[in-house]
Amino acid sequence: MGSTSRVGSSSYDYSFKVLLIGDSAVGKSSLLLSFISNSNSIHHLSPTIGVDFKIKFFTVGSKRLKLTVWDTVKNFPFTTSVFYLLRTLL
């Protein structure tokens, strides 16, 4: 579900958080960058180490939406720590 916030000049009506998780080298980061930058020309990316995230704002109708997408790998050596961190952030 979304949440509502009005913080300073960067206000939004709803906030959505998405977690991408999966095997290494399947294209999660490429998909994320392609979506955030509205581009299909993604160059070679170095592997994600730990966690990365991107934020994008949308306007749908009269509502302003904030989308935060977290990118992580399933095989990260400290998976338990990463999930604990993400659970507290999300």
C-alpha atoms as a PDB file:
ATOM      1  CA  MET A   1       0.000   0.000   0.000  1.00  0.00           C
ATOM      2  CA  GLY A   2       1.044   3.590  -0.420  1.00  0.00           C
ATOM      3  CA  SER A   3       1.609   6.204   2.220  1.00  0.00           C
ATOM      4  CA  THR A   4       0.974   9.943   2.115  1.00  0.00           C
ATOM      5  CA  SER A   5       3.566  12.590   2.951  1.00  0.00           C
ATOM      6  CA  ARG A   6       4.139  16.293   2.598  1.00  0.00           C
ATOM      7  CA  VAL A   7       7.772  17.111   3.273  1.00  0.00           C
ATOM      8  CA  GLY A   8       8.986  20.597   2.345  1.00  0.00           C
ATOM      9  CA  SER A   9       8.779  21.410  -1.347  1.00  0.00           C
ATOM     10  CA  SER A  10       9.120  17.758  -2.429  1.00  0.00           C
ATOM     11  CA  SER A  11       5.620  16.603  -1.576  1.00  0.00           C
ATOM     12  CA  TYR A  12       3.862  13.514  -2.818  1.00  0.00           C
ATOM     13  CA  ASP A  13       0.474  11.967  -2.237  1.00  0.00           C
ATOM     14  CA  TYR A  14       1.499   8.310  -2.210  1.00  0.00           C
ATOM     15  CA  SER A  15       4.753   6.472  -1.674  1.00  0.00           C
ATOM     16  CA  PHE A  16       5.383   2.951  -2.949  1.00  0.00           C
ATOM     17  CA  LYS A  17       8.408   0.803  -2.148  1.00  0.00           C
ATOM     18  CA  VAL A  18       9.444  -2.168  -4.275  1.00  0.00           C
ATOM     19  CA  LEU A  19      12.163  -4.713  -3.554  1.00  0.00           C
ATOM     20  CA  LEU A  20      13.870  -6.475  -6.464  1.00  0.00           C
ATOM     21  CA  ILE A  21      15.590  -9.673  -5.403  1.00  0.00           C
ATOM     22  CA  GLY A  22      16.840 -12.606  -7.410  1.00  0.00           C
ATOM     23  CA  ASP A  23      19.809 -14.488  -8.749  1.00  0.00           C
ATOM     24  CA  SER A  24      22.948 -12.695  -9.876  1.00  0.00           C
ATOM     25  CA  ALA A  25      23.368 -11.539 -13.485  1.00  0.00           C
ATOM     26  CA  VAL A  26      19.711 -11.829 -14.538  1.00  0.00           C
ATOM     27  CA  GLY A  27      19.149  -8.130 -15.332  1.00  0.00           C
ATOM     28  CA  LYS A  28      17.543  -6.638 -12.211  1.00  0.00           C
ATOM     29  CA  SER A  29      19.805  -3.565 -12.232  1.00  0.00           C
ATOM     30  CA  SER A  30      19.407  -3.125 -15.991  1.00  0.00           C
ATOM     31  CA  LEU A  31      15.642  -3.311 -15.678  1.00  0.00           C
ATOM     32  CA  LEU A  32      15.701  -0.792 -12.834  1.00  0.00           C
ATOM     33  CA  LEU A  33      17.938   1.690 -14.660  1.00  0.00           C
ATOM     34  CA  SER A  34      15.959   1.326 -17.864  1.00  0.00           C
ATOM     35  CA  PHE A  35      12.721   2.081 -16.011  1.00  0.00           C
ATOM     36  CA  ILE A  36      14.074   4.987 -13.960  1.00  0.00           C
ATOM     37  CA  SER A  37      15.896   6.693 -16.831  1.00  0.00           C
ATOM     38  CA  ASN A  38      13.253   5.939 -19.506  1.00  0.00           C
ATOM     39  CA  SER A  39      16.034   4.603 -21.698  1.00  0.00           C
ATOM     40  CA  ASN A  40      16.706   1.313 -23.444  1.00  0.00           C
ATOM     41  CA  SER A  41      20.437   1.933 -23.925  1.00  0.00           C
ATOM     42  CA  ILE A  42      21.953   0.503 -20.768  1.00  0.00           C
ATOM     43  CA  HIS A  43      25.675  -0.053 -20.998  1.00  0.00           C
ATOM     44  CA  HIS A  44      27.580  -2.774 -19.189  1.00  0.00           C
ATOM     45  CA  LEU A  45      26.885  -2.529 -15.473  1.00  0.00           C
ATOM     46  CA  SER A  46      29.106  -3.736 -12.691  1.00  0.00           C
ATOM     47  CA  PRO A  47      27.423  -6.248 -10.371  1.00  0.00           C
ATOM     48  CA  THR A  48      25.351  -4.906  -7.495  1.00  0.00           C
ATOM     49  CA  ILE A  49      27.164  -5.421  -4.220  1.00  0.00           C
ATOM     50  CA  GLY A  50      24.762  -5.416  -1.313  1.00  0.00           C
ATOM     51  CA  VAL A  51      21.904  -3.002  -1.957  1.00  0.00           C
ATOM     52  CA  ASP A  52      21.191  -0.148  -4.359  1.00  0.00           C
ATOM     53  CA  PHE A  53      18.054   1.948  -4.742  1.00  0.00           C
ATOM     54  CA  LYS A  54      16.517   4.465  -7.104  1.00  0.00           C
ATOM     55  CA  ILE A  55      13.648   6.913  -6.664  1.00  0.00           C
ATOM     56  CA  LYS A  56      11.246   8.165  -9.322  1.00  0.00           C
ATOM     57  CA  PHE A  57       8.311  10.567  -9.066  1.00  0.00           C
ATOM     58  CA  PHE A  58       5.164  10.255 -11.185  1.00  0.00           C
ATOM     59  CA  THR A  59       2.017  12.251 -11.596  1.00  0.00           C
ATOM     60  CA  VAL A  60      -1.109  10.202 -12.246  1.00  0.00           C
ATOM     61  CA  GLY A  61      -4.212  12.293 -12.628  1.00  0.00           C
ATOM     62  CA  SER A  62      -3.897  14.873  -9.886  1.00  0.00           C
ATOM     63  CA  LYS A  63      -1.865  12.647  -7.544  1.00  0.00           C
ATOM     64  CA  ARG A  64       1.913  12.767  -7.155  1.00  0.00           C
ATOM     65  CA  LEU A  65       3.517   9.354  -6.579  1.00  0.00           C
ATOM     66  CA  LYS A  66       6.940   8.485  -5.214  1.00  0.00           C
ATOM     67  CA  LEU A  67       8.354   5.099  -6.214  1.00  0.00           C
ATOM     68  CA  THR A  68      11.407   3.776  -4.374  1.00  0.00           C
ATOM     69  CA  VAL A  69      12.879   0.616  -5.894  1.00  0.00           C
ATOM     70  CA  TRP A  70      15.469  -1.364  -3.926  1.00  0.00           C
ATOM     71  CA  ASP A  71      17.823  -3.638  -5.865  1.00  0.00           C
ATOM     72  CA  THR A  72      19.650  -6.473  -4.109  1.00  0.00           C
ATOM     73  CA  VAL A  73      21.049  -9.922  -4.819  1.00  0.00           C
ATOM     74  CA  LYS A  74      19.945 -13.155  -3.249  1.00  0.00           C
ATOM     75  CA  ASN A  75      23.496 -14.504  -2.917  1.00  0.00           C
ATOM     76  CA  PHE A  76      24.927 -11.591  -0.953  1.00  0.00           C
ATOM     77  CA  PRO A  77      27.127 -13.017   1.866  1.00  0.00           C
ATOM     78  CA  PHE A  78      25.336 -11.013   4.560  1.00  0.00           C
ATOM     79  CA  THR A  79      21.811 -11.695   3.354  1.00  0.00           C
ATOM     80  CA  THR A  80      20.343 -11.727   6.869  1.00  0.00           C
ATOM     81  CA  SER A  81      21.862  -8.328   7.648  1.00  0.00           C
ATOM     82  CA  VAL A  82      20.675  -6.892   4.341  1.00  0.00           C
ATOM     83  CA  PHE A  83      17.115  -8.097   4.897  1.00  0.00           C
ATOM     84  CA  TYR A  84      17.104  -6.723   8.436  1.00  0.00           C
ATOM     85  CA  LEU A  85      18.280  -3.351   7.077  1.00  0.00           C
ATOM     86  CA  LEU A  86      15.667  -3.372   4.327  1.00  0.00           C
ATOM     87  CA  ARG A  87      12.922  -4.382   6.739  1.00  0.00           C
ATOM     88  CA  THR A  88      13.712  -1.377   8.916  1.00  0.00           C
ATOM     89  CA  LEU A  89      13.921   0.964   5.902  1.00  0.00           C
ATOM     90  CA  LEU A  90      10.799  -0.288   4.180  1.00  0.00           C
END
